Amino acid sequence: MAFFTVITILSVSLISAAFIWAMVRQPVRQLMEGTRHVAGGDLDYSIPVTRADEIGTLAESFNNMISQLKSAGSRSWNGRARSKRGWKRRRGNSIRLTTT
């Protein structure tokens, strides 16, 4: 009887572990892929939010972060474009401030 109980407990544990692994693996891979895109400068990448649990909240937060980065970059770029002064790189490593 004890042998049957041990086998049952092990079986349920393995099935539960496999189920949890399957439920978490794909969303985590999507988040990893998203971070690679953003690190490469692709701020148009978004992760589909298909769940209403913690992982779905994490994906939604990731998408919001990308949106905020994109907005901040746009504001920064527009501010520099409107500026009367800009940075120009000269020969070598020296940098000089010039007026436009």
N, C-alpha and C. Protein backbone atom coordinates (compact mmCIF):
# COMPACT_ATOMS: atom_id res chain seq x y z
N MET A 1 0.81 -1.20 0.00
CA MET A 1 0.00 0.00 0.00
C MET A 1 0.86 1.26 0.00
N ALA A 2 1.94 1.27 0.78
CA ALA A 2 2.82 2.44 0.85
C ALA A 2 3.48 2.68 -0.50
N PHE A 3 3.83 1.62 -1.21
CA PHE A 3 4.45 1.75 -2.53
C PHE A 3 3.49 2.46 -3.49
N PHE A 4 2.23 2.06 -3.47
CA PHE A 4 1.22 2.67 -4.33
C PHE A 4 1.05 4.16 -3.99
N THR A 5 1.08 4.50 -2.73
CA THR A 5 0.95 5.88 -2.29
C THR A 5 2.13 6.72 -2.78
N VAL A 6 3.33 6.19 -2.66
CA VAL A 6 4.53 6.90 -3.12
C VAL A 6 4.47 7.11 -4.63
N ILE A 7 4.10 6.09 -5.37
CA ILE A 7 4.00 6.20 -6.84
C ILE A 7 2.94 7.23 -7.22
N THR A 8 1.82 7.25 -6.52
CA THR A 8 0.75 8.20 -6.81
C THR A 8 1.21 9.63 -6.53
N ILE A 9 1.87 9.83 -5.41
CA ILE A 9 2.36 11.16 -5.06
C ILE A 9 3.39 11.64 -6.08
N LEU A 10 4.31 10.77 -6.47
CA LEU A 10 5.31 11.12 -7.48
C LEU A 10 4.66 11.44 -8.82
N SER A 11 3.67 10.66 -9.21
CA SER A 11 2.99 10.88 -10.48
C SER A 11 2.26 12.22 -10.48
N VAL A 12 1.54 12.50 -9.42
CA VAL A 12 0.82 13.77 -9.33
C VAL A 12 1.80 14.94 -9.31
N SER A 13 2.90 14.79 -8.61
CA SER A 13 3.92 15.84 -8.56
C SER A 13 4.51 16.11 -9.93
N LEU A 14 4.84 15.07 -10.66
CA LEU A 14 5.42 15.23 -12.00
C LEU A 14 4.42 15.85 -12.97
N ILE A 15 3.17 15.43 -12.90
CA ILE A 15 2.15 15.99 -13.77
C ILE A 15 1.92 17.46 -13.44
N SER A 16 1.89 17.79 -12.16
CA SER A 16 1.72 19.18 -11.74
C SER A 16 2.89 20.04 -12.19
N ALA A 17 4.09 19.54 -12.03
CA ALA A 17 5.28 20.28 -12.45
C ALA A 17 5.27 20.51 -13.97
N ALA A 18 4.90 19.49 -14.73
CA ALA A 18 4.84 19.62 -16.18
C ALA A 18 3.79 20.65 -16.59
N PHE A 19 2.65 20.63 -15.92
CA PHE A 19 1.58 21.58 -16.21
C PHE A 19 2.02 23.02 -15.93
N ILE A 20 2.64 23.24 -14.79
CA ILE A 20 3.11 24.58 -14.43
C ILE A 20 4.18 25.04 -15.40
N TRP A 21 5.09 24.16 -15.75
CA TRP A 21 6.16 24.49 -16.70
C TRP A 21 5.57 24.89 -18.05
N ALA A 22 4.57 24.15 -18.51
CA ALA A 22 3.95 24.45 -19.80
C ALA A 22 3.20 25.78 -19.76
N MET A 23 2.59 26.11 -18.64
CA MET A 23 1.83 27.36 -18.52
C MET A 23 2.73 28.59 -18.43
N VAL A 24 3.93 28.44 -17.92
CA VAL A 24 4.82 29.58 -17.69
C VAL A 24 5.85 29.73 -18.81
N ARG A 25 6.24 28.68 -19.42
CA ARG A 25 7.33 28.68 -20.39
C ARG A 25 7.10 29.63 -21.56
N GLN A 26 5.98 29.54 -22.25
CA GLN A 26 5.73 30.36 -23.43
C GLN A 26 5.65 31.86 -23.11
N PRO A 27 4.90 32.27 -22.10
CA PRO A 27 4.88 33.71 -21.79
C PRO A 27 6.24 34.27 -21.39
N VAL A 28 7.03 33.49 -20.68
CA VAL A 28 8.36 33.96 -20.30
C VAL A 28 9.24 34.08 -21.54
N ARG A 29 9.12 33.16 -22.46
CA ARG A 29 9.87 33.26 -23.72
C ARG A 29 9.46 34.50 -24.51
N GLN A 30 8.16 34.82 -24.52
CA GLN A 30 7.70 36.02 -25.21
C GLN A 30 8.29 37.27 -24.57
N LEU A 31 8.35 37.30 -23.25
CA LEU A 31 8.97 38.44 -22.56
C LEU A 31 10.46 38.53 -22.86
N MET A 32 11.13 37.40 -22.91
CA MET A 32 12.55 37.40 -23.25
C MET A 32 12.76 37.92 -24.67
N GLU A 33 11.92 37.49 -25.60
CA GLU A 33 12.01 37.95 -26.98
C GLU A 33 11.75 39.45 -27.05
N GLY A 34 10.78 39.92 -26.29
CA GLY A 34 10.48 41.35 -26.24
C GLY A 34 11.66 42.16 -25.74
N THR A 35 12.31 41.68 -24.69
CA THR A 35 13.47 42.42 -24.17
C THR A 35 14.60 42.45 -25.18
N ARG A 36 14.75 41.41 -25.96
CA ARG A 36 15.78 41.40 -27.01
C ARG A 36 15.46 42.45 -28.08
N HIS A 37 14.20 42.53 -28.46
CA HIS A 37 13.80 43.53 -29.47
C HIS A 37 14.04 44.95 -28.95
N VAL A 38 13.63 45.21 -27.73
CA VAL A 38 13.79 46.55 -27.16
C VAL A 38 15.27 46.89 -26.99
N ALA A 39 16.04 45.93 -26.54
CA ALA A 39 17.49 46.15 -26.39
C ALA A 39 18.13 46.47 -27.73
N GLY A 40 17.57 45.91 -28.81
CA GLY A 40 18.07 46.18 -30.15
C GLY A 40 17.52 47.47 -30.74
N GLY A 41 16.68 48.18 -30.00
CA GLY A 41 16.17 49.46 -30.47
C GLY A 41 14.79 49.41 -31.11
N ASP A 42 14.16 48.24 -31.14
CA ASP A 42 12.84 48.09 -31.76
C ASP A 42 11.76 48.45 -30.74
N LEU A 43 11.33 49.71 -30.74
CA LEU A 43 10.31 50.16 -29.80
C LEU A 43 8.90 49.99 -30.35
N ASP A 44 8.77 49.35 -31.49
CA ASP A 44 7.44 49.07 -32.05
C ASP A 44 6.97 47.66 -31.69
N TYR A 45 7.79 46.92 -30.99
CA TYR A 45 7.46 45.55 -30.60
C TYR A 45 6.49 45.56 -29.42
N SER A 46 5.51 44.69 -29.44
CA SER A 46 4.61 44.56 -28.30
C SER A 46 4.32 43.08 -28.06
N ILE A 47 3.98 42.78 -26.85
CA ILE A 47 3.67 41.41 -26.45
C ILE A 47 2.16 41.28 -26.33
N PRO A 48 1.56 40.28 -26.99
CA PRO A 48 0.11 40.11 -26.85
C PRO A 48 -0.28 39.73 -25.42
N VAL A 49 -1.26 40.44 -24.88
CA VAL A 49 -1.74 40.16 -23.53
C VAL A 49 -2.96 39.24 -23.66
N THR A 50 -2.76 37.98 -23.32
CA THR A 50 -3.83 36.99 -23.49
C THR A 50 -4.29 36.38 -22.18
N ARG A 51 -3.68 36.83 -21.09
CA ARG A 51 -4.01 36.26 -19.79
C ARG A 51 -4.38 37.35 -18.81
N ALA A 52 -5.17 36.99 -17.81
CA ALA A 52 -5.59 37.95 -16.79
C ALA A 52 -4.92 37.67 -15.44
N ASP A 53 -3.78 37.00 -15.47
CA ASP A 53 -3.07 36.68 -14.23
C ASP A 53 -1.81 37.55 -14.13
N GLU A 54 -0.90 37.17 -13.26
CA GLU A 54 0.32 37.94 -13.05
C GLU A 54 1.16 38.05 -14.30
N ILE A 55 1.21 37.00 -15.09
CA ILE A 55 2.00 37.03 -16.32
C ILE A 55 1.38 37.98 -17.33
N GLY A 56 0.05 38.02 -17.40
CA GLY A 56 -0.63 38.98 -18.26
C GLY A 56 -0.37 40.41 -17.80
N THR A 57 -0.36 40.62 -16.49
CA THR A 57 -0.05 41.95 -15.95
C THR A 57 1.38 42.34 -16.28
N LEU A 58 2.30 41.39 -16.21
CA LEU A 58 3.68 41.65 -16.55
C LEU A 58 3.82 42.02 -18.03
N ALA A 59 3.12 41.30 -18.91
CA ALA A 59 3.15 41.62 -20.34
C ALA A 59 2.57 43.01 -20.59
N GLU A 60 1.49 43.35 -19.92
CA GLU A 60 0.88 44.67 -20.06
C GLU A 60 1.83 45.76 -19.58
N SER A 61 2.50 45.52 -18.47
CA SER A 61 3.48 46.48 -17.94
C SER A 61 4.64 46.65 -18.91
N PHE A 62 5.07 45.56 -19.51
CA PHE A 62 6.15 45.60 -20.50
C PHE A 62 5.75 46.48 -21.67
N ASN A 63 4.53 46.29 -22.18
CA ASN A 63 4.04 47.09 -23.30
C ASN A 63 3.93 48.56 -22.92
N ASN A 64 3.48 48.85 -21.70
CA ASN A 64 3.40 50.23 -21.23
C ASN A 64 4.80 50.85 -21.15
N MET A 65 5.76 50.07 -20.69
CA MET A 65 7.13 50.56 -20.60
C MET A 65 7.66 50.93 -21.98
N ILE A 66 7.40 50.08 -22.97
CA ILE A 66 7.86 50.36 -24.33
C ILE A 66 7.20 51.63 -24.85
N SER A 67 5.92 51.78 -24.58
CA SER A 67 5.21 52.99 -25.02
C SER A 67 5.80 54.24 -24.38
N GLN A 68 6.13 54.17 -23.10
CA GLN A 68 6.72 55.32 -22.41
C GLN A 68 8.12 55.62 -22.93
N LEU A 69 8.89 54.58 -23.22
CA LEU A 69 10.22 54.78 -23.80
C LEU A 69 10.12 55.45 -25.16
N LYS A 70 9.17 54.99 -25.96
CA LYS A 70 8.97 55.55 -27.29
C LYS A 70 8.57 57.02 -27.18
N SER A 71 7.66 57.33 -26.26
CA SER A 71 7.21 58.70 -26.06
C SER A 71 8.34 59.59 -25.56
N ALA A 72 9.12 59.10 -24.61
CA ALA A 72 10.24 59.87 -24.07
C ALA A 72 11.29 60.11 -25.15
N GLY A 73 11.56 59.11 -25.96
CA GLY A 73 12.52 59.28 -27.04
C GLY A 73 12.04 60.28 -28.07
N SER A 74 10.76 60.26 -28.36
CA SER A 74 10.19 61.20 -29.31
C SER A 74 10.27 62.63 -28.78
N ARG A 75 9.94 62.83 -27.51
CA ARG A 75 10.03 64.16 -26.91
C ARG A 75 11.47 64.66 -26.91
N SER A 76 12.39 63.76 -26.58
CA SER A 76 13.80 64.13 -26.55
C SER A 76 14.29 64.51 -27.94
N TRP A 77 13.92 63.73 -28.93
CA TRP A 77 14.36 63.99 -30.31
C TRP A 77 13.76 65.30 -30.80
N ASN A 78 12.47 65.54 -30.56
CA ASN A 78 11.84 66.78 -31.00
C ASN A 78 12.45 67.98 -30.31
N GLY A 79 12.80 67.84 -29.05
CA GLY A 79 13.44 68.94 -28.33
C GLY A 79 14.78 69.29 -28.91
N ARG A 80 15.55 68.29 -29.30
CA ARG A 80 16.85 68.55 -29.90
C ARG A 80 16.71 69.16 -31.29
N ALA A 81 15.69 68.72 -32.04
CA ALA A 81 15.50 69.22 -33.40
C ALA A 81 15.10 70.70 -33.37
N ARG A 82 14.38 71.12 -32.33
CA ARG A 82 13.94 72.51 -32.23
C ARG A 82 15.00 73.42 -31.63
N SER A 83 15.98 72.83 -31.03
CA SER A 83 17.02 73.61 -30.36
C SER A 83 17.80 74.45 -31.36
N LYS A 84 18.24 75.63 -30.90
CA LYS A 84 19.05 76.47 -31.78
C LYS A 84 20.51 76.04 -31.76
N ARG A 85 20.84 75.19 -30.82
CA ARG A 85 22.21 74.71 -30.72
C ARG A 85 22.22 73.20 -30.86
N GLY A 86 23.27 72.67 -31.39
CA GLY A 86 23.40 71.23 -31.53
C GLY A 86 24.83 70.79 -31.34
N TRP A 87 24.98 69.54 -31.09
CA TRP A 87 26.32 68.97 -30.92
C TRP A 87 26.76 68.41 -32.26
N LYS A 88 28.00 68.71 -32.63
CA LYS A 88 28.56 68.14 -33.84
C LYS A 88 29.91 67.53 -33.50
N ARG A 89 30.15 66.39 -34.05
CA ARG A 89 31.40 65.69 -33.80
C ARG A 89 32.44 66.14 -34.82
N ARG A 90 33.58 66.54 -34.32
CA ARG A 90 34.69 66.91 -35.20
C ARG A 90 35.61 65.72 -35.37
N ARG A 91 36.69 65.96 -36.02
CA ARG A 91 37.68 64.89 -36.20
C ARG A 91 38.16 64.39 -34.86
N GLY A 92 38.45 63.11 -34.78
CA GLY A 92 38.92 62.52 -33.54
C GLY A 92 37.77 62.36 -32.55
N ASN A 93 38.09 62.50 -31.27
CA ASN A 93 37.08 62.30 -30.23
C ASN A 93 36.60 63.60 -29.62
N SER A 94 37.07 64.74 -30.12
CA SER A 94 36.64 66.00 -29.52
C SER A 94 35.24 66.36 -29.99
N ILE A 95 34.52 67.06 -29.14
CA ILE A 95 33.16 67.48 -29.44
C ILE A 95 33.09 68.99 -29.25
N ARG A 96 32.40 69.67 -30.14
CA ARG A 96 32.31 71.13 -30.06
C ARG A 96 30.84 71.53 -30.14
N LEU A 97 30.48 72.55 -29.44
CA LEU A 97 29.13 73.09 -29.46
C LEU A 97 29.05 74.13 -30.57
N THR A 98 28.10 73.97 -31.48
CA THR A 98 27.94 74.92 -32.57
C THR A 98 26.52 75.46 -32.57
N THR A 99 26.34 76.62 -33.16
CA THR A 99 24.99 77.18 -33.29
C THR A 99 24.51 76.90 -34.70
N THR A 100 23.21 76.72 -34.84
CA THR A 100 22.65 76.44 -36.16
C THR A 100 21.89 77.62 -36.68
